[in-house]
N, C-alpha and C. Protein backbone atom coordinates (compact mmCIF):
# COMPACT_ATOMS: atom_id res chain seq x y z
N MET A 1 0.84 -1.18 0.00
CA MET A 1 0.00 0.00 0.00
C MET A 1 0.89 1.25 0.00
N LEU A 2 0.55 2.21 -0.84
CA LEU A 2 1.32 3.42 -0.95
C LEU A 2 0.93 4.40 0.14
N ALA A 3 1.93 5.06 0.68
CA ALA A 3 1.66 6.10 1.68
C ALA A 3 1.12 7.34 0.97
N ALA A 4 0.41 8.15 1.71
CA ALA A 4 -0.19 9.35 1.13
C ALA A 4 0.87 10.32 0.62
N ASN A 5 2.03 10.39 1.28
CA ASN A 5 3.09 11.30 0.85
C ASN A 5 3.68 10.91 -0.49
N ASN A 6 3.67 9.62 -0.83
CA ASN A 6 4.24 9.18 -2.10
C ASN A 6 3.42 9.64 -3.28
N LEU A 7 2.17 9.95 -3.08
CA LEU A 7 1.29 10.36 -4.17
C LEU A 7 1.36 11.87 -4.42
N ARG A 8 1.98 12.58 -3.52
CA ARG A 8 2.06 14.04 -3.66
C ARG A 8 3.35 14.42 -4.40
N SER A 9 3.30 15.52 -5.11
CA SER A 9 4.48 16.02 -5.81
C SER A 9 5.45 16.64 -4.79
N PRO A 10 6.70 16.83 -5.17
CA PRO A 10 7.65 17.48 -4.24
C PRO A 10 7.16 18.87 -3.80
N LEU A 11 6.55 19.61 -4.71
CA LEU A 11 6.03 20.92 -4.35
C LEU A 11 4.90 20.78 -3.34
N GLY A 12 4.05 19.79 -3.54
CA GLY A 12 2.95 19.57 -2.62
C GLY A 12 3.42 19.18 -1.22
N ARG A 13 4.51 18.40 -1.17
CA ARG A 13 5.05 18.03 0.14
C ARG A 13 5.69 19.22 0.85
N ALA A 14 6.29 20.12 0.09
CA ALA A 14 6.99 21.27 0.68
C ALA A 14 6.04 22.41 1.03
N ARG A 15 4.92 22.49 0.33
CA ARG A 15 3.99 23.59 0.54
C ARG A 15 3.43 23.57 1.95
N GLY A 16 3.38 24.75 2.58
CA GLY A 16 2.81 24.85 3.91
C GLY A 16 3.83 24.64 5.02
N LEU A 17 5.04 24.22 4.66
CA LEU A 17 6.03 24.03 5.70
C LEU A 17 6.64 25.35 6.17
N GLY A 18 6.63 26.35 5.32
CA GLY A 18 7.18 27.65 5.69
C GLY A 18 8.69 27.64 5.72
N SER A 19 9.24 28.71 6.22
CA SER A 19 10.71 28.82 6.32
C SER A 19 11.10 28.87 7.78
N ALA A 20 12.37 28.77 8.02
CA ALA A 20 12.87 28.83 9.38
C ALA A 20 12.82 30.26 9.92
N LYS A 21 12.67 31.24 9.05
CA LYS A 21 12.56 32.65 9.40
C LYS A 21 13.83 33.19 10.06
N GLU A 22 14.96 32.54 9.85
CA GLU A 22 16.21 33.02 10.41
C GLU A 22 17.19 33.48 9.33
N GLY A 23 16.97 33.09 8.11
CA GLY A 23 17.92 33.37 7.05
C GLY A 23 18.12 34.84 6.78
N LEU A 24 17.05 35.62 6.75
CA LEU A 24 17.16 37.04 6.43
C LEU A 24 17.93 37.78 7.51
N HIS A 25 17.65 37.49 8.77
CA HIS A 25 18.37 38.15 9.87
C HIS A 25 19.87 37.83 9.80
N HIS A 26 20.19 36.58 9.56
CA HIS A 26 21.58 36.16 9.47
C HIS A 26 22.27 36.85 8.29
N TRP A 27 21.58 36.92 7.17
CA TRP A 27 22.13 37.55 5.98
C TRP A 27 22.42 39.03 6.25
N TRP A 28 21.45 39.73 6.87
CA TRP A 28 21.65 41.14 7.18
C TRP A 28 22.77 41.34 8.17
N ALA A 29 22.85 40.50 9.19
CA ALA A 29 23.92 40.64 10.18
C ALA A 29 25.29 40.47 9.54
N GLN A 30 25.39 39.51 8.63
CA GLN A 30 26.67 39.28 7.96
C GLN A 30 27.04 40.47 7.07
N ARG A 31 26.07 41.04 6.37
CA ARG A 31 26.35 42.18 5.50
C ARG A 31 26.69 43.43 6.31
N LEU A 32 25.98 43.65 7.41
CA LEU A 32 26.24 44.84 8.22
C LEU A 32 27.59 44.75 8.92
N THR A 33 27.96 43.57 9.41
CA THR A 33 29.28 43.44 10.03
C THR A 33 30.38 43.61 8.97
N ALA A 34 30.15 43.12 7.76
CA ALA A 34 31.13 43.31 6.70
C ALA A 34 31.27 44.80 6.37
N LEU A 35 30.17 45.50 6.33
CA LEU A 35 30.20 46.94 6.05
C LEU A 35 30.92 47.70 7.17
N ALA A 36 30.68 47.31 8.41
CA ALA A 36 31.35 47.95 9.54
C ALA A 36 32.84 47.65 9.55
N LEU A 37 33.21 46.47 9.05
CA LEU A 37 34.62 46.10 9.04
C LEU A 37 35.46 46.88 8.03
N VAL A 38 34.83 47.43 7.02
CA VAL A 38 35.60 48.15 5.99
C VAL A 38 36.36 49.34 6.60
N PRO A 39 35.69 50.30 7.24
CA PRO A 39 36.47 51.42 7.81
C PRO A 39 37.32 50.98 9.00
N LEU A 40 36.84 50.01 9.77
CA LEU A 40 37.63 49.55 10.91
C LEU A 40 38.91 48.86 10.46
N ALA A 41 38.84 48.07 9.40
CA ALA A 41 40.04 47.40 8.89
C ALA A 41 41.01 48.42 8.29
N VAL A 42 40.49 49.42 7.60
CA VAL A 42 41.36 50.47 7.05
C VAL A 42 42.07 51.19 8.20
N TRP A 43 41.34 51.53 9.26
CA TRP A 43 41.94 52.18 10.42
C TRP A 43 43.00 51.28 11.06
N PHE A 44 42.69 50.00 11.21
CA PHE A 44 43.61 49.06 11.86
C PHE A 44 44.90 48.91 11.04
N VAL A 45 44.77 48.71 9.75
CA VAL A 45 45.95 48.56 8.90
C VAL A 45 46.78 49.85 8.89
N ALA A 46 46.11 50.99 8.80
CA ALA A 46 46.83 52.26 8.83
C ALA A 46 47.58 52.43 10.15
N GLY A 47 46.96 52.04 11.24
CA GLY A 47 47.61 52.14 12.55
C GLY A 47 48.81 51.21 12.66
N ILE A 48 48.68 49.99 12.15
CA ILE A 48 49.78 49.03 12.20
C ILE A 48 50.94 49.52 11.32
N VAL A 49 50.64 50.04 10.14
CA VAL A 49 51.68 50.55 9.25
C VAL A 49 52.39 51.74 9.92
N HIS A 50 51.62 52.61 10.53
CA HIS A 50 52.20 53.77 11.23
C HIS A 50 53.10 53.31 12.38
N LEU A 51 52.66 52.31 13.13
CA LEU A 51 53.46 51.79 14.24
C LEU A 51 54.71 51.07 13.75
N ALA A 52 54.61 50.39 12.62
CA ALA A 52 55.75 49.64 12.09
C ALA A 52 56.87 50.56 11.63
N THR A 53 56.53 51.78 11.23
CA THR A 53 57.54 52.71 10.75
C THR A 53 58.12 53.54 11.90
N GLY A 54 57.57 53.40 13.11
CA GLY A 54 58.06 54.15 14.27
C GLY A 54 59.33 53.54 14.86
N GLY A 55 59.82 54.15 15.95
CA GLY A 55 61.06 53.70 16.56
C GLY A 55 60.87 52.52 17.50
N GLU A 56 60.50 52.77 18.73
CA GLU A 56 60.38 51.73 19.75
C GLU A 56 58.97 51.12 19.67
N PRO A 57 58.87 49.87 19.24
CA PRO A 57 57.54 49.31 18.97
C PRO A 57 56.65 49.19 20.20
N TYR A 58 57.17 48.71 21.32
CA TYR A 58 56.32 48.49 22.49
C TYR A 58 55.79 49.82 23.02
N GLU A 59 56.69 50.77 23.22
CA GLU A 59 56.29 52.06 23.77
C GLU A 59 55.36 52.82 22.81
N ALA A 60 55.65 52.70 21.52
CA ALA A 60 54.79 53.36 20.53
C ALA A 60 53.40 52.74 20.54
N PHE A 61 53.32 51.41 20.63
CA PHE A 61 52.02 50.77 20.66
C PHE A 61 51.25 51.14 21.92
N MET A 62 51.94 51.15 23.07
CA MET A 62 51.25 51.48 24.32
C MET A 62 50.72 52.92 24.29
N ALA A 63 51.49 53.83 23.72
CA ALA A 63 51.02 55.22 23.59
C ALA A 63 49.85 55.30 22.61
N TRP A 64 49.93 54.52 21.55
CA TRP A 64 48.87 54.54 20.53
C TRP A 64 47.56 53.98 21.10
N ILE A 65 47.63 52.85 21.80
CA ILE A 65 46.42 52.21 22.31
C ILE A 65 45.87 52.96 23.53
N ALA A 66 46.70 53.77 24.19
CA ALA A 66 46.23 54.55 25.34
C ALA A 66 45.30 55.69 24.92
N ASN A 67 45.34 56.05 23.65
CA ASN A 67 44.43 57.07 23.13
C ASN A 67 43.01 56.50 23.19
N PRO A 68 42.07 57.20 23.83
CA PRO A 68 40.70 56.65 23.97
C PRO A 68 40.02 56.35 22.63
N CYS A 69 40.31 57.15 21.61
CA CYS A 69 39.71 56.90 20.29
C CYS A 69 40.24 55.59 19.71
N ASN A 70 41.55 55.39 19.80
CA ASN A 70 42.14 54.15 19.28
C ASN A 70 41.67 52.93 20.07
N ALA A 71 41.57 53.06 21.38
CA ALA A 71 41.11 51.94 22.21
C ALA A 71 39.66 51.59 21.87
N THR A 72 38.83 52.60 21.69
CA THR A 72 37.43 52.35 21.33
C THR A 72 37.31 51.68 19.97
N LEU A 73 38.08 52.18 19.00
CA LEU A 73 38.04 51.57 17.67
C LEU A 73 38.58 50.14 17.69
N MET A 74 39.60 49.88 18.52
CA MET A 74 40.13 48.52 18.62
C MET A 74 39.09 47.58 19.22
N ILE A 75 38.38 48.03 20.23
CA ILE A 75 37.34 47.20 20.84
C ILE A 75 36.22 46.93 19.84
N LEU A 76 35.82 47.95 19.09
CA LEU A 76 34.81 47.75 18.05
C LEU A 76 35.31 46.79 16.98
N PHE A 77 36.56 46.96 16.56
CA PHE A 77 37.13 46.09 15.54
C PHE A 77 37.13 44.64 16.00
N LEU A 78 37.56 44.39 17.22
CA LEU A 78 37.61 43.01 17.74
C LEU A 78 36.21 42.40 17.82
N GLY A 79 35.26 43.15 18.38
CA GLY A 79 33.91 42.63 18.51
C GLY A 79 33.26 42.33 17.17
N VAL A 80 33.36 43.27 16.25
CA VAL A 80 32.73 43.09 14.94
C VAL A 80 33.43 42.00 14.13
N ALA A 81 34.76 41.97 14.19
CA ALA A 81 35.51 40.97 13.41
C ALA A 81 35.21 39.55 13.87
N PHE A 82 35.20 39.32 15.17
CA PHE A 82 34.92 37.97 15.66
C PHE A 82 33.46 37.59 15.42
N HIS A 83 32.53 38.55 15.54
CA HIS A 83 31.13 38.23 15.26
C HIS A 83 30.95 37.89 13.78
N HIS A 84 31.58 38.67 12.91
CA HIS A 84 31.49 38.41 11.47
C HIS A 84 32.09 37.05 11.13
N ALA A 85 33.21 36.72 11.75
CA ALA A 85 33.86 35.43 11.49
C ALA A 85 32.97 34.26 11.90
N GLN A 86 32.35 34.36 13.06
CA GLN A 86 31.50 33.25 13.49
C GLN A 86 30.24 33.15 12.64
N LEU A 87 29.73 34.26 12.15
CA LEU A 87 28.58 34.20 11.23
C LEU A 87 28.97 33.49 9.94
N GLY A 88 30.14 33.80 9.43
CA GLY A 88 30.61 33.15 8.21
C GLY A 88 30.85 31.66 8.40
N MET A 89 31.45 31.29 9.52
CA MET A 89 31.69 29.87 9.78
C MET A 89 30.38 29.12 9.97
N GLN A 90 29.38 29.76 10.56
CA GLN A 90 28.08 29.12 10.73
C GLN A 90 27.48 28.77 9.37
N VAL A 91 27.60 29.66 8.41
CA VAL A 91 27.09 29.37 7.06
C VAL A 91 27.81 28.18 6.45
N VAL A 92 29.13 28.13 6.63
CA VAL A 92 29.91 27.01 6.10
C VAL A 92 29.46 25.70 6.74
N TYR A 93 29.29 25.72 8.06
CA TYR A 93 28.85 24.51 8.76
C TYR A 93 27.46 24.07 8.28
N GLU A 94 26.55 25.04 8.15
CA GLU A 94 25.19 24.69 7.72
C GLU A 94 25.17 24.13 6.30
N ASP A 95 26.09 24.58 5.47
CA ASP A 95 26.13 24.10 4.09
C ASP A 95 26.82 22.76 3.93
N TYR A 96 27.82 22.47 4.77
CA TYR A 96 28.67 21.31 4.49
C TYR A 96 28.66 20.21 5.54
N ILE A 97 28.06 20.41 6.70
CA ILE A 97 27.98 19.34 7.70
C ILE A 97 26.55 18.80 7.67
N SER A 98 26.41 17.55 7.25
CA SER A 98 25.06 16.99 7.07
C SER A 98 24.47 16.47 8.38
N CYS A 99 25.27 16.01 9.30
CA CYS A 99 24.77 15.48 10.57
C CYS A 99 24.35 16.64 11.47
N GLN A 100 23.08 16.66 11.86
CA GLN A 100 22.52 17.76 12.64
C GLN A 100 23.26 17.96 13.96
N SER A 101 23.58 16.89 14.67
CA SER A 101 24.23 17.03 15.97
C SER A 101 25.66 17.56 15.82
N TRP A 102 26.40 17.09 14.81
CA TRP A 102 27.75 17.60 14.57
C TRP A 102 27.69 19.07 14.16
N ARG A 103 26.72 19.42 13.34
CA ARG A 103 26.57 20.80 12.89
C ARG A 103 26.29 21.72 14.08
N THR A 104 25.36 21.31 14.93
CA THR A 104 25.02 22.12 16.10
C THR A 104 26.21 22.27 17.02
N ALA A 105 26.93 21.17 17.26
CA ALA A 105 28.11 21.23 18.12
C ALA A 105 29.17 22.16 17.54
N ALA A 106 29.39 22.10 16.24
CA ALA A 106 30.39 22.96 15.61
C ALA A 106 29.98 24.42 15.71
N ILE A 107 28.71 24.72 15.51
CA ILE A 107 28.23 26.10 15.60
C ILE A 107 28.38 26.63 17.03
N VAL A 108 27.99 25.82 18.01
CA VAL A 108 28.09 26.25 19.41
C VAL A 108 29.55 26.47 19.80
N LEU A 109 30.41 25.53 19.45
CA LEU A 109 31.84 25.68 19.78
C LEU A 109 32.45 26.91 19.10
N THR A 110 32.06 27.16 17.87
CA THR A 110 32.58 28.33 17.16
C THR A 110 32.10 29.62 17.80
N LYS A 111 30.84 29.65 18.21
CA LYS A 111 30.32 30.85 18.89
C LYS A 111 31.05 31.08 20.20
N PHE A 112 31.24 30.02 21.00
CA PHE A 112 31.96 30.16 22.26
C PHE A 112 33.39 30.64 22.01
N ALA A 113 34.07 30.06 21.02
CA ALA A 113 35.44 30.45 20.73
C ALA A 113 35.50 31.91 20.26
N ALA A 114 34.61 32.30 19.37
CA ALA A 114 34.62 33.66 18.84
C ALA A 114 34.37 34.68 19.94
N TYR A 115 33.37 34.45 20.77
CA TYR A 115 33.08 35.40 21.83
C TYR A 115 34.14 35.36 22.92
N GLY A 116 34.74 34.20 23.15
CA GLY A 116 35.83 34.10 24.12
C GLY A 116 37.06 34.87 23.66
N PHE A 117 37.44 34.70 22.39
CA PHE A 117 38.60 35.42 21.86
C PHE A 117 38.32 36.92 21.76
N ALA A 118 37.09 37.30 21.44
CA ALA A 118 36.74 38.72 21.41
C ALA A 118 36.85 39.31 22.81
N ALA A 119 36.35 38.60 23.80
CA ALA A 119 36.45 39.08 25.19
C ALA A 119 37.90 39.20 25.62
N LEU A 120 38.70 38.20 25.27
CA LEU A 120 40.13 38.24 25.60
C LEU A 120 40.81 39.45 24.96
N GLY A 121 40.50 39.71 23.70
CA GLY A 121 41.07 40.86 23.01
C GLY A 121 40.62 42.18 23.60
N ILE A 122 39.35 42.26 23.99
CA ILE A 122 38.81 43.50 24.56
C ILE A 122 39.44 43.75 25.93
N VAL A 123 39.52 42.73 26.76
CA VAL A 123 40.14 42.88 28.08
C VAL A 123 41.62 43.25 27.92
N SER A 124 42.30 42.63 26.98
CA SER A 124 43.71 42.97 26.73
C SER A 124 43.86 44.41 26.28
N THR A 125 42.95 44.87 25.44
CA THR A 125 42.98 46.26 25.01
C THR A 125 42.77 47.21 26.17
N LEU A 126 41.83 46.87 27.05
CA LEU A 126 41.58 47.72 28.22
C LEU A 126 42.78 47.74 29.17
N ILE A 127 43.43 46.58 29.33
CA ILE A 127 44.62 46.53 30.19
C ILE A 127 45.72 47.41 29.60
N CYS A 128 45.93 47.30 28.30
CA CYS A 128 46.95 48.14 27.65
C CYS A 128 46.58 49.62 27.74
N CYS A 129 45.30 49.91 27.58
CA CYS A 129 44.83 51.28 27.58
C CYS A 129 45.02 51.93 28.95
N PHE A 130 44.72 51.18 30.00
CA PHE A 130 44.78 51.74 31.35
C PHE A 130 46.11 51.45 32.04
N GLY A 131 47.08 50.92 31.28
CA GLY A 131 48.43 50.77 31.80
C GLY A 131 48.58 49.66 32.84
N GLY A 132 48.06 48.47 32.54
CA GLY A 132 48.11 47.36 33.49
C GLY A 132 49.34 46.62 33.50
């Protein structure tokens, strides 16, 4: 005996299921973080190039990061860069890991790692900024 689903077309089986309603938010978040990274990356590279041409690297960096504007931009750069990276890795995992449990574990571990490294970078920036 044939099951009722076997008699329906693929479109008929898919109709009414709806979407996960998460794709658009994820897409926008990835595009906005990429857009935010453009000026932040230009600032970061310009700062590194400026520091590389200076004399004493440690003292020059500590003076540079002690500037509140530079410290704020560094914190923004770290937060946005790690968030953008984990969003990108999530897309890769969703596209290429077929096992649901492995995919979920990889996404969770990547989120923890990204936010952990971002926090470490932000705390390190604050320590450098306040002369720790």
